[in-house]
Amino acid sequence: MAMAENKIKFGKWEASALIITLIITQLILGFPRLMVETAGTAGWIVVLYVTILALLAFFIIEKLYSSFKGKDLLDISERIGGSILRILVGIIFLAYFIFIISIVLRSFAENMKVITLQQSPISYVTMFFIIGMIAGAYAGIEALVRFCAIVMPIILAGLLLIFIAVSPHFNFENIFPILGTGPIDIFGKGFLRVSVFSAISLLFFITPFIKTHKSFRTVGYVSIGVSAAFFFVGTFAYLLVYPFPIGVEGFLPVYQLSRLVEYGRFFQRIESVFVLIWAASALIYLSSVFYFIVYVFKKTFKLEYYKPLILPFAILIFNISLIPPNLVTAVELESKYIRTYVWIISFVIPIVILVTAKYFKRGTNKEEKKNA
């Protein structure tokens, strides 16, 4: 299995498609509402602000990563702290991945129940997504990224279509006052929203599959840039249609926008297009993150195979996802806790590990010269 994984290689396009899809999923779940909740009518400014922060953080990581071509975060952790640090870092990211996928799974299932399956039990709806996750994990990383490369442009095109189609409902007075609820909310509370780019952390685990540092750099910048553009357009469109504070109360903002689209007698009910986009994004997100859970666990504990882990982890995630009593609790857990503090895991921990590894490498080189 390890030999087969070492032979897997995919290009910048496939890797970018995967990371973009993982990040952009938040736009479908409720990103515009989160931005409006953060700074009111200045929600679109928060998008620009956190994009700059994410690019700056990735710039630092990318420069540090240049010394560790083809190595993922677990390889680098083992280099500076042996098996103990590798296991510690692996457990931290595993806990993060499991917690976030459980909450997102519950959110997707609850949203699907509200939109199309009102009479179905939540466990029944969740099981459909679990089956998709299991199938994706068995298919493997190569199949997932190839599928993303095909579906991602369709998802982005569908989202863009919705944003353009609601333009007749735009009211530019909705973005005033420009600074919304104030600079403190924009730059203070807004700082914590850099977590919206937390899915970029998965790039630090697919490094062995994309091989070169140039590919790593390109994938990172393209993923953040494209995702930020859609975040901005989506938030701006949502604000122009739903004024603050009405926008804070919105359920599935993009879905609400899609319900407004109506051109003549033959171009109505476009929310059905949204449901297809939403379902495709959900399956890709859940399957990809689930694959990385079993992959990271396998690599953390130096196991030979990952497929025997799929069913146990699927059962674990299924049960954790049912812990929140309702959708409101699940959304609150995601927006107030996960999306507020997860930037520490996604950006700070990798930077600390890479800085330490670079210093350790330099020290090792000096010792080798002395011994010589």
Protein backbone atom coordinates (compact mmCIF):
# COMPACT_ATOMS: atom_id res chain seq x y z
CA MET A 1 0.00 0.00 0.00
CA ALA A 2 2.81 2.39 0.83
CA MET A 3 4.52 1.61 -2.49
CA ALA A 4 1.26 2.26 -4.37
CA GLU A 5 0.78 5.59 -2.60
CA ASN A 6 4.33 6.66 -3.39
CA LYS A 7 3.60 6.12 -7.10
CA ILE A 8 0.47 8.29 -7.04
CA LYS A 9 1.08 11.71 -8.50
CA PHE A 10 -1.28 14.41 -9.70
CA GLY A 11 -0.79 17.83 -11.18
CA LYS A 12 -1.39 21.37 -10.07
CA TRP A 13 -4.84 21.50 -11.64
CA GLU A 14 -6.16 18.44 -9.80
CA ALA A 15 -4.67 19.52 -6.47
CA SER A 16 -6.02 23.07 -6.88
CA ALA A 17 -9.47 21.71 -7.76
CA LEU A 18 -9.47 19.63 -4.58
CA ILE A 19 -8.42 22.46 -2.23
CA ILE A 20 -10.74 25.02 -3.89
CA THR A 21 -13.70 22.67 -3.55
CA LEU A 22 -12.92 22.05 0.12
CA ILE A 23 -12.63 25.77 0.88
CA ILE A 24 -15.56 26.95 -1.25
CA THR A 25 -17.95 24.52 0.44
CA GLN A 26 -18.30 27.09 3.23
CA LEU A 27 -19.85 29.52 0.75
CA ILE A 28 -22.64 27.00 0.22
CA LEU A 29 -23.12 26.29 3.91
CA GLY A 30 -23.33 29.84 5.27
CA PHE A 31 -20.20 31.92 4.71
CA PRO A 32 -22.00 35.14 3.62
CA ARG A 33 -24.15 35.10 6.75
CA LEU A 34 -21.04 34.63 8.90
CA MET A 35 -19.37 37.68 7.32
CA VAL A 36 -22.49 39.81 7.81
CA GLU A 37 -22.72 38.60 11.40
CA THR A 38 -19.08 39.64 11.95
CA ALA A 39 -19.18 43.23 10.66
CA GLY A 40 -22.64 44.02 9.33
CA THR A 41 -22.63 45.92 6.05
CA ALA A 42 -18.82 45.71 5.99
CA GLY A 43 -18.89 41.91 5.64
CA TRP A 44 -17.33 42.19 2.17
CA ILE A 45 -14.40 44.14 3.67
CA VAL A 46 -13.82 41.30 6.14
CA VAL A 47 -13.47 38.95 3.15
CA LEU A 48 -10.69 41.12 1.70
CA TYR A 49 -9.03 41.42 5.10
CA VAL A 50 -8.95 37.69 5.88
CA THR A 51 -7.78 36.96 2.33
CA ILE A 52 -4.73 39.17 2.89
CA LEU A 53 -4.08 37.41 6.22
CA ALA A 54 -4.39 33.97 4.61
CA LEU A 55 -2.06 34.93 1.76
CA LEU A 56 0.47 36.31 4.23
CA ALA A 57 0.32 33.15 6.37
CA PHE A 58 0.69 30.94 3.31
CA PHE A 59 3.57 33.08 2.03
CA ILE A 60 5.46 32.35 5.27
CA ILE A 61 4.60 28.64 5.14
CA GLU A 62 5.52 28.37 1.47
CA LYS A 63 8.93 29.96 1.99
CA LEU A 64 9.65 27.66 4.93
CA TYR A 65 8.43 24.64 2.98
CA SER A 66 11.01 25.19 0.25
CA SER A 67 13.53 23.26 2.34
CA PHE A 68 11.28 20.20 2.63
CA LYS A 69 10.25 19.28 -0.91
CA GLY A 70 8.02 16.22 -1.12
CA LYS A 71 7.59 16.01 2.66
CA ASP A 72 4.27 16.36 4.45
CA LEU A 73 3.76 17.82 7.90
CA LEU A 74 4.06 14.43 9.58
CA ASP A 75 7.40 13.72 7.89
CA ILE A 76 8.74 17.09 9.01
CA SER A 77 7.43 16.59 12.56
CA GLU A 78 9.16 13.22 12.79
CA ARG A 79 12.39 14.77 11.60
CA ILE A 80 12.56 17.24 14.49
CA GLY A 81 10.86 15.28 17.26
CA GLY A 82 10.87 11.65 16.27
CA SER A 83 7.85 9.39 16.63
CA ILE A 84 6.53 11.30 19.65
CA LEU A 85 6.10 14.59 17.78
CA ARG A 86 4.78 12.82 14.68
CA ILE A 87 2.09 11.13 16.76
CA LEU A 88 1.27 14.34 18.65
CA VAL A 89 0.86 16.39 15.46
CA GLY A 90 -1.08 13.56 13.85
CA ILE A 91 -3.51 13.36 16.79
CA ILE A 92 -4.06 17.15 16.76
CA PHE A 93 -4.97 17.16 13.08
CA LEU A 94 -7.01 13.98 13.40
CA ALA A 95 -9.07 15.52 16.20
CA TYR A 96 -9.57 18.66 14.10
CA PHE A 97 -10.56 16.70 10.96
CA ILE A 98 -12.93 14.39 12.86
CA PHE A 99 -14.61 17.22 14.75
CA ILE A 100 -15.11 19.43 11.70
CA ILE A 101 -16.30 16.64 9.40
CA SER A 102 -18.81 15.52 12.03
CA ILE A 103 -20.26 19.03 12.36
CA VAL A 104 -20.27 19.65 8.60
CA LEU A 105 -21.87 16.23 8.03
CA ARG A 106 -24.63 17.14 10.47
CA SER A 107 -25.09 20.54 8.79
CA PHE A 108 -25.34 18.99 5.33
CA ALA A 109 -27.80 16.35 6.54
CA GLU A 110 -29.97 18.89 8.36
CA ASN A 111 -29.99 21.20 5.34
CA MET A 112 -30.92 18.35 3.01
CA LYS A 113 -33.72 17.41 5.39
CA VAL A 114 -35.08 20.97 5.43
CA ILE A 115 -34.84 21.44 1.65
CA THR A 116 -36.06 18.13 0.23
CA LEU A 117 -36.56 15.40 2.86
CA GLN A 118 -38.67 17.04 5.55
CA GLN A 119 -40.28 13.80 6.78
CA SER A 120 -37.09 11.70 6.96
CA PRO A 121 -35.26 11.04 10.25
CA ILE A 122 -31.90 12.82 10.49
CA SER A 123 -30.06 9.51 10.94
CA TYR A 124 -31.54 8.25 7.65
CA VAL A 125 -30.41 11.35 5.73
CA THR A 126 -26.96 11.24 7.34
CA MET A 127 -26.53 7.63 6.25
CA PHE A 128 -26.67 8.65 2.58
CA PHE A 129 -23.67 10.93 3.08
CA ILE A 130 -21.84 8.27 5.11
CA ILE A 131 -22.21 5.82 2.22
CA GLY A 132 -20.73 8.41 -0.15
CA MET A 133 -17.84 9.05 2.24
CA ILE A 134 -17.08 5.34 2.48
CA ALA A 135 -17.18 4.92 -1.29
CA GLY A 136 -14.86 7.90 -1.79
CA ALA A 137 -12.36 6.64 0.78
CA TYR A 138 -12.26 3.19 -0.83
CA ALA A 139 -11.74 4.81 -4.25
CA GLY A 140 -8.66 6.61 -2.93
CA ILE A 141 -7.04 10.00 -3.31
CA GLU A 142 -6.32 9.69 -7.03
CA ALA A 143 -9.97 9.05 -7.92
CA LEU A 144 -11.10 11.89 -5.65
CA VAL A 145 -8.80 14.51 -7.18
CA ARG A 146 -9.66 13.43 -10.74
CA PHE A 147 -13.35 13.73 -9.90
CA CYS A 148 -12.76 17.17 -8.36
CA ALA A 149 -10.98 18.35 -11.50
CA ILE A 150 -14.14 17.59 -13.49
CA VAL A 151 -16.80 18.75 -11.03
CA MET A 152 -15.15 21.87 -9.55
CA PRO A 153 -15.59 24.08 -12.68
CA ILE A 154 -19.27 23.06 -12.81
CA ILE A 155 -19.76 24.00 -9.16
CA LEU A 156 -18.08 27.39 -9.64
CA ALA A 157 -20.02 28.07 -12.84
CA GLY A 158 -23.31 27.24 -11.08
CA LEU A 159 -22.49 29.57 -8.19
CA LEU A 160 -21.53 32.36 -10.57
CA LEU A 161 -24.77 31.86 -12.48
CA ILE A 162 -26.78 32.33 -9.28
CA PHE A 163 -24.88 35.49 -8.28
CA ILE A 164 -25.36 37.04 -11.72
CA ALA A 165 -29.01 36.00 -11.96
CA VAL A 166 -29.97 37.80 -8.72
CA SER A 167 -28.47 41.10 -9.90
CA PRO A 168 -31.92 42.62 -10.62
CA HIS A 169 -32.53 42.45 -6.86
CA PHE A 170 -29.36 44.39 -5.96
CA ASN A 171 -29.71 47.50 -3.83
CA PHE A 172 -26.36 49.25 -3.41
CA GLU A 173 -27.64 51.23 -0.45
CA ASN A 174 -27.37 48.00 1.54
CA ILE A 175 -23.57 48.33 1.83
CA PHE A 176 -23.83 51.59 3.77
CA PRO A 177 -22.40 52.49 6.18
CA ILE A 178 -19.23 51.25 4.52
CA LEU A 179 -17.52 50.37 7.81
CA GLY A 180 -20.53 48.42 9.03
CA THR A 181 -20.45 47.82 12.78
CA GLY A 182 -17.02 49.46 13.08
CA PRO A 183 -13.26 48.91 12.57
CA ILE A 184 -12.99 46.87 15.79
CA ASP A 185 -15.36 44.25 14.42
CA ILE A 186 -13.77 44.33 10.97
CA PHE A 187 -10.15 43.98 12.07
CA GLY A 188 -10.64 42.47 15.54
CA LYS A 189 -13.37 39.89 15.18
CA GLY A 190 -12.55 39.68 11.50
CA PHE A 191 -9.04 38.43 12.27
CA LEU A 192 -10.50 35.21 13.69
CA ARG A 193 -12.39 34.60 10.44
CA VAL A 194 -9.15 33.71 8.66
CA SER A 195 -10.21 30.20 9.68
CA VAL A 196 -12.45 30.16 6.58
CA PHE A 197 -9.31 29.17 4.69
CA SER A 198 -8.49 26.37 7.14
CA ALA A 199 -8.96 23.67 4.48
CA ILE A 200 -5.63 24.82 3.03
CA SER A 201 -4.08 22.69 5.81
CA LEU A 202 -4.88 19.59 3.72
CA LEU A 203 -2.34 20.86 1.21
CA PHE A 204 0.34 20.14 3.82
CA PHE A 205 -0.61 16.45 3.64
CA ILE A 206 -0.79 16.04 -0.15
CA THR A 207 2.72 17.41 -0.68
CA PRO A 208 4.15 13.91 -1.38
CA PHE A 209 1.58 13.50 -4.16
CA ILE A 210 2.38 16.79 -5.96
CA LYS A 211 6.16 16.35 -5.54
CA THR A 212 7.66 19.75 -6.44
CA HIS A 213 7.74 22.91 -4.34
CA LYS A 214 6.70 24.96 -7.37
CA SER A 215 3.48 22.94 -7.57
CA PHE A 216 2.94 23.36 -3.84
CA ARG A 217 3.30 27.14 -4.14
CA THR A 218 1.04 27.40 -7.19
CA VAL A 219 -1.70 25.22 -5.70
CA GLY A 220 -1.71 27.25 -2.48
CA TYR A 221 -1.93 30.68 -4.07
CA VAL A 222 -4.45 29.63 -6.74
CA SER A 223 -6.68 27.90 -4.19
CA ILE A 224 -6.74 30.88 -1.84
CA GLY A 225 -7.15 33.37 -4.69
CA VAL A 226 -10.01 31.62 -6.49
CA SER A 227 -11.83 30.82 -3.24
CA ALA A 228 -11.43 34.42 -2.03
CA ALA A 229 -12.88 35.76 -5.30
CA PHE A 230 -16.01 33.64 -4.89
CA PHE A 231 -16.23 34.46 -1.19
CA PHE A 232 -16.15 38.15 -2.07
CA VAL A 233 -18.70 37.94 -4.89
CA GLY A 234 -21.01 35.73 -2.82
CA THR A 235 -20.89 37.96 0.26
CA PHE A 236 -21.27 41.14 -1.78
CA ALA A 237 -24.26 39.75 -3.70
CA TYR A 238 -25.89 38.53 -0.48
CA LEU A 239 -25.47 41.95 1.15
CA LEU A 240 -26.91 43.75 -1.86
CA VAL A 241 -30.01 41.56 -1.75
CA TYR A 242 -30.52 41.09 2.01
CA PRO A 243 -29.76 44.23 4.06
CA PHE A 244 -28.22 44.05 7.51
CA PRO A 245 -29.51 42.88 9.98
CA ILE A 246 -31.94 40.75 7.93
CA GLY A 247 -28.94 39.00 6.37
CA VAL A 248 -27.89 37.60 9.74
CA GLU A 249 -31.08 35.56 9.92
CA GLY A 250 -30.64 33.88 6.55
CA PHE A 251 -30.72 30.08 6.26
CA LEU A 252 -28.33 28.77 3.59
CA PRO A 253 -27.63 32.20 2.04
CA VAL A 254 -26.83 30.95 -1.49
CA TYR A 255 -29.95 28.80 -1.47
CA GLN A 256 -32.01 31.84 -0.47
CA LEU A 257 -30.48 33.79 -3.35
CA SER A 258 -31.23 30.99 -5.83
CA ARG A 259 -34.91 31.05 -4.86
CA LEU A 260 -35.15 34.64 -6.08
CA VAL A 261 -34.08 33.82 -9.63
CA GLU A 262 -36.96 33.96 -12.08
CA TYR A 263 -36.76 34.92 -15.77
CA GLY A 264 -40.03 34.53 -17.61
CA ARG A 265 -42.23 31.45 -17.53
CA PHE A 266 -39.59 28.92 -18.54
CA PHE A 267 -36.67 29.84 -16.29
CA GLN A 268 -37.89 29.37 -12.76
CA ARG A 269 -37.14 27.23 -9.68
CA ILE A 270 -33.38 27.54 -10.22
CA GLU A 271 -32.86 26.39 -6.63
CA SER A 272 -32.92 22.87 -8.08
CA VAL A 273 -29.58 23.74 -9.70
CA PHE A 274 -28.32 24.84 -6.31
CA VAL A 275 -29.34 21.51 -4.77
CA LEU A 276 -27.24 19.66 -7.37
CA ILE A 277 -24.25 21.95 -6.73
CA TRP A 278 -24.76 21.59 -3.01
CA ALA A 279 -24.98 17.78 -3.13
CA ALA A 280 -21.86 17.50 -5.31
CA SER A 281 -19.89 19.81 -3.02
CA ALA A 282 -21.06 17.90 0.04
CA LEU A 283 -19.98 14.53 -1.30
CA ILE A 284 -16.59 15.81 -2.45
CA TYR A 285 -15.91 17.63 0.81
CA LEU A 286 -16.98 14.79 3.07
CA SER A 287 -15.29 12.06 1.01
CA SER A 288 -12.00 13.96 0.72
CA VAL A 289 -11.74 14.94 4.38
CA PHE A 290 -12.76 11.42 5.40
CA TYR A 291 -10.03 9.94 3.21
CA PHE A 292 -7.44 12.19 4.87
CA ILE A 293 -8.65 11.12 8.31
CA VAL A 294 -7.87 7.47 7.61
CA TYR A 295 -4.72 8.40 5.66
CA VAL A 296 -3.33 10.60 8.44
CA PHE A 297 -4.18 7.96 11.06
CA LYS A 298 -2.37 5.31 9.01
CA LYS A 299 0.71 7.46 8.56
CA THR A 300 0.71 8.74 12.13
CA PHE A 301 0.84 5.24 13.57
CA LYS A 302 2.89 3.70 10.72
CA LEU A 303 0.21 1.24 9.64
CA GLU A 304 0.52 -0.66 6.39
CA TYR A 305 -3.07 -0.35 5.18
CA TYR A 306 -5.76 2.30 5.57
CA LYS A 307 -8.84 0.54 4.18
CA PRO A 308 -9.55 -1.52 7.34
CA LEU A 309 -9.89 1.84 9.14
CA ILE A 310 -12.69 3.12 6.91
CA LEU A 311 -15.70 1.44 8.51
CA PRO A 312 -14.67 2.07 12.16
CA PHE A 313 -14.05 5.77 11.45
CA ALA A 314 -17.31 6.03 9.48
CA ILE A 315 -19.23 4.67 12.47
CA LEU A 316 -17.38 7.03 14.83
CA ILE A 317 -18.10 10.11 12.68
CA PHE A 318 -21.74 9.07 12.20
CA ASN A 319 -22.26 8.89 15.96
CA ILE A 320 -20.43 12.15 16.72
CA SER A 321 -22.50 13.95 14.07
CA LEU A 322 -25.70 12.99 15.90
CA ILE A 323 -24.56 14.47 19.23
CA PRO A 324 -25.80 18.05 18.52
CA PRO A 325 -29.54 18.06 19.29
CA ASN A 326 -30.48 20.20 16.29
CA LEU A 327 -29.25 22.29 13.34
CA VAL A 328 -28.99 25.49 15.39
CA THR A 329 -26.53 23.84 17.79
CA ALA A 330 -24.50 22.38 14.91
CA VAL A 331 -24.27 25.78 13.18
CA GLU A 332 -23.32 27.46 16.46
CA LEU A 333 -20.56 24.92 17.10
CA GLU A 334 -19.16 25.52 13.63
CA SER A 335 -19.41 29.31 13.48
CA LYS A 336 -18.59 30.24 17.08
CA TYR A 337 -15.95 27.66 17.87
CA ILE A 338 -14.54 25.78 14.86
CA ARG A 339 -14.41 28.76 12.47
CA THR A 340 -13.13 31.02 15.22
CA TYR A 341 -10.12 29.15 16.56
CA VAL A 342 -9.18 26.56 13.94
CA TRP A 343 -6.71 29.00 12.33
CA ILE A 344 -4.34 28.07 15.15
CA ILE A 345 -4.21 24.48 13.88
CA SER A 346 -4.25 25.37 10.18
CA PHE A 347 -1.64 28.15 10.18
CA VAL A 348 0.14 28.61 13.52
CA ILE A 349 1.08 24.96 14.18
CA PRO A 350 2.51 24.40 10.66
CA ILE A 351 4.54 27.62 10.92
CA VAL A 352 5.93 26.62 14.33
CA ILE A 353 6.84 23.14 13.06
CA LEU A 354 8.48 24.48 9.90
CA VAL A 355 10.47 27.17 11.73
CA THR A 356 11.67 24.60 14.24
CA ALA A 357 12.56 22.14 11.49
CA LYS A 358 14.49 24.76 9.56
CA TYR A 359 16.46 25.73 12.69
CA PHE A 360 17.07 22.06 13.53
CA LYS A 361 18.35 21.43 10.02
CA ARG A 362 20.73 24.35 10.23
CA GLY A 363 22.02 23.15 13.61
CA THR A 364 22.50 19.64 12.26
CA ASN A 365 24.51 20.93 9.34
CA LYS A 366 26.82 22.88 11.68
CA GLU A 367 27.40 19.82 13.83
CA GLU A 368 28.20 17.72 10.76
CA LYS A 369 30.77 20.29 9.61
CA LYS A 370 32.42 20.30 13.04
CA ASN A 371 32.60 16.53 13.13
CA ALA A 372 34.10 16.52 9.67
